Amino acid sequence: MAPRLRLTLLGVGAMASPRFAPAGLLVVHGRHRVVFDGGPGAEPPEGRVDAWLVTDEHAELRSALRHLAAERGLVPRMADADLGELRVRAHPVAHTSHPTCGYRIEAGAAAVVWAPEFWAFPAWAADADLMFAEASGWDRPIRFRGGVGGHAPVRDIGPEAVRHRIGRLVYAHIGRPCLRAMDAGLIPEYGEWGREGRTYLVFPQRRAC
């Protein structure tokens, strides 16, 4: 049996969040460890890291990420990774004026998606067992100046996740509109708020818990 995927949220905050560390994920499969995004306060624990992958090479945290990754002998980059049975593929997302991506992470029959920022729900995420998704906005989109992209709202992402047959949806890039919704006791119609430090398990038989 292929080993399970262990996915730990290092942070769940949008840029300059007053409450959470930057959105980041640590994926462990067997002896392999891969970090996605993160930043100050959302670093991986001690130990070897095989790759540090980012969804935006021009993000505001790029200097901090380069420094953190350099401490592990790595360079943060948008790239694919093949580590034994663990396969990571970068796929483009509609988000801003320069290229950005999300990742499809597969091991055996299990599939996980890391897509913390997008303007349009990524079709390539379909049929994932678990998806970590954008949550910058709550009930209305956030449009960038000049109409070059932005952030989809939670109220739109949930129905799209259902339509694309996402097994479990976790919001992991939580912005101020969603913080206000959380404080008001509101919850998404589909999906759940991500929690810093929480580990999610996905098994080869395509079950997430």
Protein backbone atom coordinates (compact mmCIF):
# COMPACT_ATOMS: atom_id res chain seq x y z
CA MET A 1 0.00 0.00 0.00
CA ALA A 2 1.30 3.48 -0.87
CA PRO A 3 1.96 5.70 2.17
CA ARG A 4 -0.65 8.26 3.12
CA LEU A 5 -0.30 11.95 2.37
CA ARG A 6 0.12 14.14 5.46
CA LEU A 7 -0.73 17.79 4.80
CA THR A 8 -0.12 20.36 7.51
CA LEU A 9 -1.24 23.97 7.23
CA LEU A 10 1.68 26.18 8.26
CA GLY A 11 -0.44 29.32 7.94
CA VAL A 12 -3.87 30.31 6.60
CA GLY A 13 -3.62 34.09 6.23
CA ALA A 14 -3.92 36.33 3.21
CA MET A 15 -1.27 39.00 2.72
CA ALA A 16 -0.80 41.23 5.82
CA SER A 17 -3.39 39.27 7.80
CA PRO A 18 -3.86 40.74 11.29
CA ARG A 19 -4.57 37.28 12.70
CA PHE A 20 -2.87 34.49 10.78
CA ALA A 21 0.55 33.64 9.37
CA PRO A 22 0.86 33.57 5.55
CA ALA A 23 -0.87 30.66 3.83
CA GLY A 24 1.52 27.73 3.59
CA LEU A 25 1.45 23.95 3.41
CA LEU A 26 3.83 21.13 4.32
CA VAL A 27 3.28 17.86 2.45
CA VAL A 28 4.85 14.66 3.79
CA HIS A 29 4.75 11.39 1.88
CA GLY A 30 7.02 8.63 3.13
CA ARG A 31 10.47 10.18 3.52
CA HIS A 32 9.72 13.11 1.21
CA ARG A 33 8.76 16.61 2.41
CA VAL A 34 7.64 19.52 0.21
CA VAL A 35 6.74 23.05 1.31
CA PHE A 36 4.28 25.25 -0.56
CA ASP A 37 4.32 29.05 -0.09
CA GLY A 38 4.31 30.12 3.58
CA GLY A 39 6.56 32.85 4.92
CA PRO A 40 7.55 34.42 8.25
CA GLY A 41 5.65 32.62 10.99
CA ALA A 42 4.68 29.85 8.55
CA GLU A 43 7.96 27.99 8.19
CA PRO A 44 8.27 24.19 8.14
CA PRO A 45 9.59 22.43 11.25
CA GLU A 46 13.20 21.32 11.42
CA GLY A 47 14.25 18.55 9.08
CA ARG A 48 15.16 17.97 5.45
CA VAL A 49 12.93 19.54 2.79
CA ASP A 50 13.07 18.25 -0.79
CA ALA A 51 11.53 21.28 -2.50
CA TRP A 52 10.01 24.67 -1.67
CA LEU A 53 7.38 25.51 -4.26
CA VAL A 54 5.51 28.79 -4.65
CA THR A 55 2.39 29.84 -6.49
CA ASP A 56 3.70 33.33 -7.37
CA GLU A 57 7.37 34.07 -7.97
CA HIS A 58 6.63 37.82 -7.84
CA ALA A 59 4.64 37.81 -4.59
CA GLU A 60 5.33 40.47 -1.95
CA LEU A 61 6.83 37.82 0.33
CA ARG A 62 9.36 36.65 -2.27
CA SER A 63 12.40 38.12 -0.48
CA ALA A 64 11.42 36.58 2.84
CA LEU A 65 10.72 33.24 1.17
CA ARG A 66 14.10 33.26 -0.57
CA HIS A 67 15.79 33.80 2.78
CA LEU A 68 13.80 31.05 4.54
CA ALA A 69 14.36 28.58 1.71
CA ALA A 70 18.08 29.42 1.50
CA GLU A 71 18.43 28.31 5.13
CA ARG A 72 17.40 24.84 3.88
CA GLY A 73 19.67 25.03 0.82
CA LEU A 74 16.69 25.58 -1.50
CA VAL A 75 15.40 28.17 -3.95
CA PRO A 76 11.63 28.81 -3.93
CA ARG A 77 10.19 28.39 -7.41
CA MET A 78 7.16 27.51 -9.51
CA ALA A 79 7.90 24.00 -10.73
CA ASP A 80 6.86 20.36 -10.97
CA ALA A 81 8.37 17.75 -8.66
CA ASP A 82 8.67 13.97 -8.89
CA LEU A 83 9.70 12.34 -5.62
CA GLY A 84 9.16 8.62 -5.82
CA GLU A 85 5.41 7.98 -5.81
CA LEU A 86 4.74 11.63 -4.93
CA ARG A 87 3.95 13.65 -8.05
CA VAL A 88 3.49 17.42 -7.96
CA ARG A 89 2.34 19.37 -10.99
CA ALA A 90 2.13 23.16 -11.32
CA HIS A 91 -0.95 24.33 -13.24
CA PRO A 92 -1.69 27.92 -14.27
CA VAL A 93 -4.44 29.87 -12.52
CA ALA A 94 -6.20 33.07 -13.53
CA HIS A 95 -5.20 35.53 -10.82
CA THR A 96 -3.15 38.53 -11.90
CA SER A 97 -1.19 40.09 -14.79
CA HIS A 98 1.85 37.80 -14.47
CA PRO A 99 1.97 33.98 -14.43
CA THR A 100 0.78 32.31 -11.23
CA CYS A 101 -0.11 28.72 -10.49
CA GLY A 102 -1.65 26.18 -8.18
CA TYR A 103 -0.53 22.61 -7.60
CA ARG A 104 -2.04 19.18 -8.03
CA ILE A 105 -0.38 16.74 -5.62
CA GLU A 106 -0.86 13.03 -6.30
CA ALA A 107 0.23 9.79 -4.67
CA GLY A 108 -1.33 6.55 -5.78
CA ALA A 109 -5.00 7.26 -6.43
CA ALA A 110 -5.09 10.21 -4.01
CA ALA A 111 -5.17 13.79 -5.29
CA VAL A 112 -4.82 17.06 -3.37
CA VAL A 113 -4.92 20.61 -4.71
CA TRP A 114 -3.12 23.66 -3.31
CA ALA A 115 -4.63 26.77 -4.93
CA PRO A 116 -4.60 29.61 -2.38
CA GLU A 117 -5.21 32.45 -4.85
CA PHE A 118 -7.31 32.60 -8.00
CA TRP A 119 -9.86 34.73 -9.82
CA ALA A 120 -11.52 31.81 -11.65
CA PHE A 121 -11.98 28.33 -10.19
CA PRO A 122 -9.32 26.06 -11.78
CA ALA A 123 -10.87 23.29 -13.88
CA TRP A 124 -7.77 21.13 -13.40
CA ALA A 125 -8.71 20.74 -9.70
CA ALA A 126 -11.66 18.51 -10.60
CA ASP A 127 -12.10 15.25 -8.68
CA ALA A 128 -9.52 16.09 -6.00
CA ASP A 129 -10.00 14.35 -2.66
CA LEU A 130 -8.96 17.52 -0.83
CA MET A 131 -8.54 21.11 -2.00
CA PHE A 132 -6.96 24.01 -0.13
CA ALA A 133 -8.53 27.08 -1.69
CA GLU A 134 -8.71 30.84 -1.88
CA ALA A 135 -10.60 32.72 0.84
CA SER A 136 -9.60 36.36 0.41
CA GLY A 137 -13.20 37.50 -0.13
CA TRP A 138 -16.45 36.37 1.47
CA ASP A 139 -19.54 37.27 -0.56
CA ARG A 140 -18.12 39.39 -3.37
CA PRO A 141 -15.04 39.16 -5.60
CA ILE A 142 -11.98 41.33 -5.01
CA ARG A 143 -11.00 42.90 -8.32
CA PHE A 144 -7.48 44.23 -8.94
CA ARG A 145 -6.98 47.73 -10.29
CA GLY A 146 -6.92 47.74 -14.08
CA GLY A 147 -9.09 44.64 -14.33
CA VAL A 148 -6.09 42.27 -14.43
CA GLY A 149 -7.57 39.68 -12.08
CA GLY A 150 -8.28 39.37 -8.38
CA HIS A 151 -9.70 36.95 -5.83
CA ALA A 152 -12.84 34.82 -6.09
CA PRO A 153 -15.15 34.92 -3.03
CA VAL A 154 -15.93 31.97 -0.78
CA ARG A 155 -19.63 32.21 -1.68
CA ASP A 156 -18.72 31.42 -5.32
CA ILE A 157 -15.94 28.92 -4.66
CA GLY A 158 -18.14 26.48 -2.70
CA PRO A 159 -20.63 25.82 -5.51
CA GLU A 160 -17.77 25.53 -8.02
CA ALA A 161 -16.09 22.97 -5.79
CA VAL A 162 -19.29 20.92 -5.71
CA ARG A 163 -19.61 21.18 -9.49
CA HIS A 164 -16.00 20.00 -9.89
CA ARG A 165 -16.55 17.08 -7.48
CA ILE A 166 -14.07 18.19 -4.81
CA GLY A 167 -14.27 15.73 -1.92
CA ARG A 168 -13.25 18.09 0.89
CA LEU A 169 -12.74 21.84 0.65
CA VAL A 170 -10.57 23.77 3.11
CA TYR A 171 -10.23 27.56 2.87
CA ALA A 172 -6.58 28.43 3.44
CA HIS A 173 -5.92 32.02 2.33
CA ILE A 174 -8.23 33.90 4.67
CA GLY A 175 -8.64 37.63 4.06
CA ARG A 176 -10.24 40.40 6.11
CA PRO A 177 -13.76 40.00 4.66
CA CYS A 178 -13.71 36.36 5.76
CA LEU A 179 -12.32 37.30 9.17
CA ARG A 180 -15.37 39.53 9.63
CA ALA A 181 -17.62 36.68 8.51
CA MET A 182 -15.92 34.30 10.97
CA ASP A 183 -16.32 36.80 13.80
CA ALA A 184 -20.01 37.07 12.93
CA GLY A 185 -20.37 33.29 13.25
CA LEU A 186 -20.89 32.74 9.53
CA ILE A 187 -19.71 29.52 7.91
CA PRO A 188 -19.31 28.56 4.24
CA GLU A 189 -22.17 26.68 2.63
CA TYR A 190 -19.62 24.14 1.41
CA GLY A 191 -16.17 23.66 2.87
CA GLU A 192 -14.52 24.65 6.14
CA TRP A 193 -12.11 27.25 7.49
CA GLY A 194 -8.50 26.07 7.54
CA ARG A 195 -6.73 25.91 10.90
CA GLU A 196 -3.07 26.71 11.39
CA GLY A 197 -1.09 23.67 12.51
CA ARG A 198 -3.80 21.19 11.59
CA THR A 199 -2.75 18.04 9.74
CA TYR A 200 -5.05 16.50 7.13
CA LEU A 201 -4.60 12.90 5.99
CA VAL A 202 -5.35 11.52 2.54
CA PHE A 203 -5.00 7.81 1.88
CA PRO A 204 -4.28 5.98 -1.41
CA GLN A 205 -7.87 4.70 -1.38
CA ARG A 206 -8.97 8.34 -1.89
CA ARG A 207 -10.22 9.12 1.62
CA ALA A 208 -9.46 12.37 3.43
CA CYS A 209 -9.75 13.03 7.14
